[in-house]
């Protein structure tokens, strides 16, 4: 299973000691405008950036979840990006499991 597949399925990587895929997530978030180069996460950008995952629909719940996960204390931007996405995806998985959507 690839790192991306593992993250999308479970919300985490199978090897959380490998920094390379975490830095890849940082790069993706920066290029999407979700994370600035100084490590600030903008929850308002998440629904727009993730709209393609929802057939172009901007979902308010994505901003709400992102807001819950955005206040990260990690100094390393790669760790911050990974833990943000881990929080986001885990929360979303739990949302869909709970509501059966």
N, C-alpha and C. Protein backbone atom coordinates (compact mmCIF):
# COMPACT_ATOMS: atom_id res chain seq x y z
N UNK A 1 0.86 -1.18 0.00
CA UNK A 1 0.00 0.00 0.00
C UNK A 1 0.90 1.24 0.00
N UNK A 2 0.59 2.20 -0.86
CA UNK A 2 1.38 3.42 -0.92
C UNK A 2 1.08 4.30 0.30
N UNK A 3 1.97 5.26 0.55
CA UNK A 3 1.75 6.19 1.66
C UNK A 3 0.42 6.93 1.48
N UNK A 4 0.18 7.39 0.27
CA UNK A 4 -1.06 8.13 0.01
C UNK A 4 -2.29 7.27 0.25
N UNK A 5 -2.25 6.04 -0.22
CA UNK A 5 -3.37 5.13 0.01
C UNK A 5 -3.59 4.88 1.50
N UNK A 6 -2.49 4.67 2.22
CA UNK A 6 -2.60 4.44 3.67
C UNK A 6 -3.20 5.65 4.37
N UNK A 7 -2.76 6.85 3.99
CA UNK A 7 -3.28 8.07 4.60
C UNK A 7 -4.77 8.23 4.31
N UNK A 8 -5.17 8.01 3.07
CA UNK A 8 -6.58 8.15 2.70
C UNK A 8 -7.47 7.10 3.36
N UNK A 9 -6.93 5.91 3.56
CA UNK A 9 -7.74 4.82 4.13
C UNK A 9 -7.84 4.89 5.65
N UNK A 10 -6.71 5.18 6.31
CA UNK A 10 -6.69 5.09 7.78
C UNK A 10 -6.44 6.42 8.47
N UNK A 11 -5.94 7.40 7.73
CA UNK A 11 -5.61 8.68 8.34
C UNK A 11 -4.18 8.77 8.81
N UNK A 12 -3.38 7.72 8.57
CA UNK A 12 -1.97 7.78 8.99
C UNK A 12 -1.11 6.93 8.05
N UNK A 13 0.19 7.15 8.14
CA UNK A 13 1.15 6.35 7.39
C UNK A 13 1.49 5.09 8.17
N UNK A 14 1.84 4.04 7.46
CA UNK A 14 2.25 2.80 8.13
C UNK A 14 3.62 2.97 8.78
N UNK A 15 4.46 3.87 8.27
CA UNK A 15 5.76 4.16 8.87
C UNK A 15 5.83 5.65 9.17
N UNK A 16 5.52 6.01 10.40
CA UNK A 16 5.49 7.42 10.77
C UNK A 16 6.88 7.98 11.09
N UNK A 17 7.93 7.18 10.92
CA UNK A 17 9.29 7.68 11.13
C UNK A 17 9.89 8.23 9.84
N UNK A 18 9.29 7.92 8.71
CA UNK A 18 9.79 8.36 7.41
C UNK A 18 9.35 9.80 7.15
N UNK A 19 10.33 10.70 7.07
CA UNK A 19 10.02 12.12 6.93
C UNK A 19 9.69 12.52 5.48
N UNK A 20 10.18 11.78 4.51
CA UNK A 20 9.99 12.15 3.10
C UNK A 20 8.52 12.30 2.71
N UNK A 21 7.64 11.34 3.02
CA UNK A 21 6.23 11.53 2.64
C UNK A 21 5.55 12.65 3.42
N UNK A 22 6.03 12.92 4.63
CA UNK A 22 5.48 14.03 5.41
C UNK A 22 5.82 15.36 4.74
N UNK A 23 7.05 15.44 4.23
CA UNK A 23 7.46 16.67 3.54
C UNK A 23 6.74 16.81 2.19
N UNK A 24 6.40 15.69 1.58
CA UNK A 24 5.59 15.72 0.36
C UNK A 24 4.23 16.35 0.66
N UNK A 25 3.62 15.97 1.78
CA UNK A 25 2.33 16.56 2.17
C UNK A 25 2.49 18.06 2.40
N UNK A 26 3.59 18.46 3.04
CA UNK A 26 3.84 19.90 3.24
C UNK A 26 3.87 20.61 1.90
N UNK A 27 4.57 20.04 0.94
CA UNK A 27 4.68 20.64 -0.39
C UNK A 27 3.31 20.74 -1.06
N UNK A 28 2.51 19.69 -0.97
CA UNK A 28 1.17 19.70 -1.56
C UNK A 28 0.31 20.78 -0.90
N UNK A 29 0.34 20.86 0.43
CA UNK A 29 -0.47 21.86 1.14
C UNK A 29 -0.02 23.28 0.79
N UNK A 30 1.29 23.48 0.66
CA UNK A 30 1.79 24.80 0.28
C UNK A 30 1.36 25.15 -1.14
N UNK A 31 1.48 24.22 -2.07
CA UNK A 31 1.09 24.47 -3.46
C UNK A 31 -0.41 24.70 -3.60
N UNK A 32 -1.20 24.11 -2.71
CA UNK A 32 -2.66 24.30 -2.74
C UNK A 32 -3.07 25.58 -2.01
N UNK A 33 -2.12 26.26 -1.38
CA UNK A 33 -2.43 27.49 -0.65
C UNK A 33 -3.04 27.24 0.71
N UNK A 34 -3.01 26.00 1.17
CA UNK A 34 -3.56 25.66 2.48
C UNK A 34 -2.56 25.99 3.58
N UNK A 35 -1.28 25.80 3.30
CA UNK A 35 -0.22 26.08 4.26
C UNK A 35 0.74 27.09 3.64
N UNK A 36 1.08 28.12 4.41
CA UNK A 36 2.03 29.11 3.91
C UNK A 36 3.45 28.58 4.09
N UNK A 37 4.41 29.22 3.46
CA UNK A 37 5.80 28.79 3.56
C UNK A 37 6.34 28.94 4.98
N UNK A 38 5.68 29.75 5.80
CA UNK A 38 6.10 29.87 7.21
C UNK A 38 5.29 28.94 8.12
N UNK A 39 4.52 28.02 7.55
CA UNK A 39 3.87 26.97 8.32
C UNK A 39 2.49 27.28 8.87
N UNK A 40 1.88 28.37 8.43
CA UNK A 40 0.54 28.73 8.90
C UNK A 40 -0.49 28.01 8.02
N UNK A 41 -1.42 27.32 8.67
CA UNK A 41 -2.48 26.60 7.95
C UNK A 41 -3.73 27.47 7.91
N UNK A 42 -4.29 27.65 6.70
CA UNK A 42 -5.49 28.46 6.51
C UNK A 42 -6.69 27.55 6.25
N UNK A 43 -7.52 27.31 7.28
CA UNK A 43 -8.66 26.41 7.13
C UNK A 43 -9.66 26.84 6.05
N UNK A 44 -9.72 28.13 5.76
CA UNK A 44 -10.67 28.63 4.75
C UNK A 44 -10.31 28.15 3.34
N UNK A 45 -9.05 27.81 3.12
CA UNK A 45 -8.61 27.34 1.80
C UNK A 45 -8.93 25.87 1.55
N UNK A 46 -9.16 25.12 2.63
CA UNK A 46 -9.35 23.67 2.50
C UNK A 46 -10.55 23.30 1.63
N UNK A 47 -11.75 23.86 1.88
CA UNK A 47 -12.90 23.43 1.07
C UNK A 47 -12.72 23.71 -0.43
N UNK A 48 -12.07 24.80 -0.75
CA UNK A 48 -11.84 25.14 -2.16
C UNK A 48 -10.84 24.15 -2.76
N UNK A 49 -9.76 23.90 -2.03
CA UNK A 49 -8.72 22.99 -2.53
C UNK A 49 -9.22 21.55 -2.63
N UNK A 50 -10.13 21.16 -1.75
CA UNK A 50 -10.62 19.78 -1.73
C UNK A 50 -11.91 19.59 -2.53
N UNK A 51 -12.41 20.62 -3.16
CA UNK A 51 -13.68 20.54 -3.89
C UNK A 51 -13.64 19.46 -4.97
N UNK A 52 -12.48 19.26 -5.59
CA UNK A 52 -12.39 18.24 -6.64
C UNK A 52 -12.66 16.84 -6.08
N UNK A 53 -12.46 16.65 -4.79
CA UNK A 53 -12.74 15.36 -4.15
C UNK A 53 -14.24 15.13 -3.96
N UNK A 54 -15.02 16.21 -4.12
CA UNK A 54 -16.47 16.16 -3.89
C UNK A 54 -17.23 16.62 -5.14
N UNK A 55 -16.75 16.19 -6.31
CA UNK A 55 -17.39 16.55 -7.59
C UNK A 55 -17.52 18.05 -7.77
N UNK A 56 -16.51 18.80 -7.32
CA UNK A 56 -16.50 20.25 -7.48
C UNK A 56 -17.28 21.01 -6.43
N UNK A 57 -17.92 20.30 -5.53
CA UNK A 57 -18.73 20.95 -4.49
C UNK A 57 -17.85 21.38 -3.32
N UNK A 58 -18.01 22.64 -2.91
CA UNK A 58 -17.30 23.17 -1.74
C UNK A 58 -18.12 22.82 -0.51
N UNK A 59 -17.54 22.04 0.40
CA UNK A 59 -18.27 21.57 1.58
C UNK A 59 -17.88 22.37 2.83
N UNK A 60 -18.86 22.93 3.50
CA UNK A 60 -18.63 23.70 4.72
C UNK A 60 -17.98 22.83 5.78
N UNK A 61 -18.35 21.56 5.85
CA UNK A 61 -17.78 20.67 6.87
C UNK A 61 -16.27 20.56 6.73
N UNK A 62 -15.74 20.70 5.51
CA UNK A 62 -14.29 20.64 5.33
C UNK A 62 -13.60 21.79 6.05
N UNK A 63 -14.19 22.98 6.00
CA UNK A 63 -13.60 24.12 6.71
C UNK A 63 -13.73 23.93 8.22
N UNK A 64 -14.84 23.39 8.66
CA UNK A 64 -15.04 23.15 10.10
C UNK A 64 -14.00 22.15 10.61
N UNK A 65 -13.84 21.04 9.90
CA UNK A 65 -12.85 20.04 10.30
C UNK A 65 -11.45 20.64 10.25
N UNK A 66 -11.15 21.37 9.19
CA UNK A 66 -9.83 21.99 9.06
C UNK A 66 -9.56 22.96 10.21
N UNK A 67 -10.58 23.70 10.62
CA UNK A 67 -10.42 24.64 11.74
C UNK A 67 -10.09 23.89 13.03
N UNK A 68 -10.70 22.73 13.22
CA UNK A 68 -10.42 21.93 14.41
C UNK A 68 -8.99 21.39 14.42
N UNK A 69 -8.44 21.17 13.23
CA UNK A 69 -7.13 20.53 13.10
C UNK A 69 -5.98 21.50 12.83
N UNK A 70 -6.27 22.76 12.55
CA UNK A 70 -5.26 23.69 12.05
C UNK A 70 -4.30 24.23 13.10
N UNK A 71 -4.71 24.30 14.34
CA UNK A 71 -3.86 24.90 15.38
C UNK A 71 -2.80 23.91 15.82
N UNK A 72 -1.75 23.81 15.03
CA UNK A 72 -0.67 22.83 15.25
C UNK A 72 0.49 23.51 15.95
N UNK A 73 1.15 22.80 16.83
CA UNK A 73 2.29 23.34 17.59
C UNK A 73 3.64 22.83 17.09
N UNK A 74 3.63 21.90 16.14
CA UNK A 74 4.89 21.35 15.65
C UNK A 74 5.76 22.45 15.03
N UNK A 75 7.05 22.39 15.31
CA UNK A 75 7.98 23.37 14.73
C UNK A 75 8.37 22.97 13.30
N UNK A 76 8.48 21.68 13.07
CA UNK A 76 8.81 21.17 11.74
C UNK A 76 7.57 21.26 10.86
N UNK A 77 7.69 21.96 9.73
CA UNK A 77 6.54 22.14 8.85
C UNK A 77 6.07 20.83 8.23
N UNK A 78 7.00 19.89 8.03
CA UNK A 78 6.60 18.58 7.49
C UNK A 78 5.75 17.83 8.50
N UNK A 79 6.17 17.83 9.75
CA UNK A 79 5.39 17.19 10.82
C UNK A 79 4.04 17.88 10.99
N UNK A 80 4.05 19.20 10.91
CA UNK A 80 2.81 19.97 11.06
C UNK A 80 1.83 19.62 9.95
N UNK A 81 2.31 19.57 8.71
CA UNK A 81 1.44 19.24 7.57
C UNK A 81 0.88 17.83 7.71
N UNK A 82 1.75 16.88 8.07
CA UNK A 82 1.29 15.49 8.22
C UNK A 82 0.26 15.38 9.34
N UNK A 83 0.53 15.97 10.48
CA UNK A 83 -0.40 15.85 11.61
C UNK A 83 -1.71 16.59 11.35
N UNK A 84 -1.66 17.67 10.57
CA UNK A 84 -2.89 18.34 10.16
C UNK A 84 -3.73 17.39 9.31
N UNK A 85 -3.11 16.78 8.29
CA UNK A 85 -3.85 15.88 7.41
C UNK A 85 -4.31 14.63 8.15
N UNK A 86 -3.49 14.13 9.06
CA UNK A 86 -3.87 12.97 9.87
C UNK A 86 -5.13 13.30 10.68
N UNK A 87 -5.14 14.46 11.33
CA UNK A 87 -6.30 14.91 12.10
C UNK A 87 -7.51 15.08 11.18
N UNK A 88 -7.31 15.74 10.04
CA UNK A 88 -8.40 16.01 9.11
C UNK A 88 -9.03 14.70 8.60
N UNK A 89 -8.19 13.80 8.11
CA UNK A 89 -8.71 12.57 7.52
C UNK A 89 -9.33 11.66 8.58
N UNK A 90 -8.70 11.56 9.73
CA UNK A 90 -9.26 10.74 10.81
C UNK A 90 -10.62 11.27 11.24
N UNK A 91 -10.73 12.59 11.37
CA UNK A 91 -12.00 13.20 11.74
C UNK A 91 -13.05 12.94 10.67
N UNK A 92 -12.66 13.07 9.41
CA UNK A 92 -13.60 12.82 8.31
C UNK A 92 -14.02 11.35 8.26
N UNK A 93 -13.09 10.44 8.47
CA UNK A 93 -13.43 9.01 8.49
C UNK A 93 -14.44 8.75 9.60
N UNK A 94 -14.20 9.30 10.78
CA UNK A 94 -15.12 9.11 11.90
C UNK A 94 -16.49 9.73 11.61
N UNK A 95 -16.51 10.87 10.92
CA UNK A 95 -17.76 11.53 10.54
C UNK A 95 -18.59 10.61 9.65
N UNK A 96 -17.95 10.06 8.62
CA UNK A 96 -18.68 9.20 7.69
C UNK A 96 -19.06 7.87 8.32
N UNK A 97 -18.19 7.33 9.17
CA UNK A 97 -18.54 6.08 9.87
C UNK A 97 -19.71 6.28 10.80
N UNK A 98 -19.74 7.40 11.51
CA UNK A 98 -20.80 7.69 12.47
C UNK A 98 -22.13 7.92 11.76
N UNK A 99 -22.09 8.69 10.68
CA UNK A 99 -23.33 9.06 9.99
C UNK A 99 -23.70 8.09 8.87
N UNK A 100 -22.83 7.14 8.59
CA UNK A 100 -23.13 6.16 7.55
C UNK A 100 -23.23 6.76 6.17
N UNK A 101 -22.50 7.83 5.92
CA UNK A 101 -22.57 8.51 4.62
C UNK A 101 -21.53 7.97 3.67
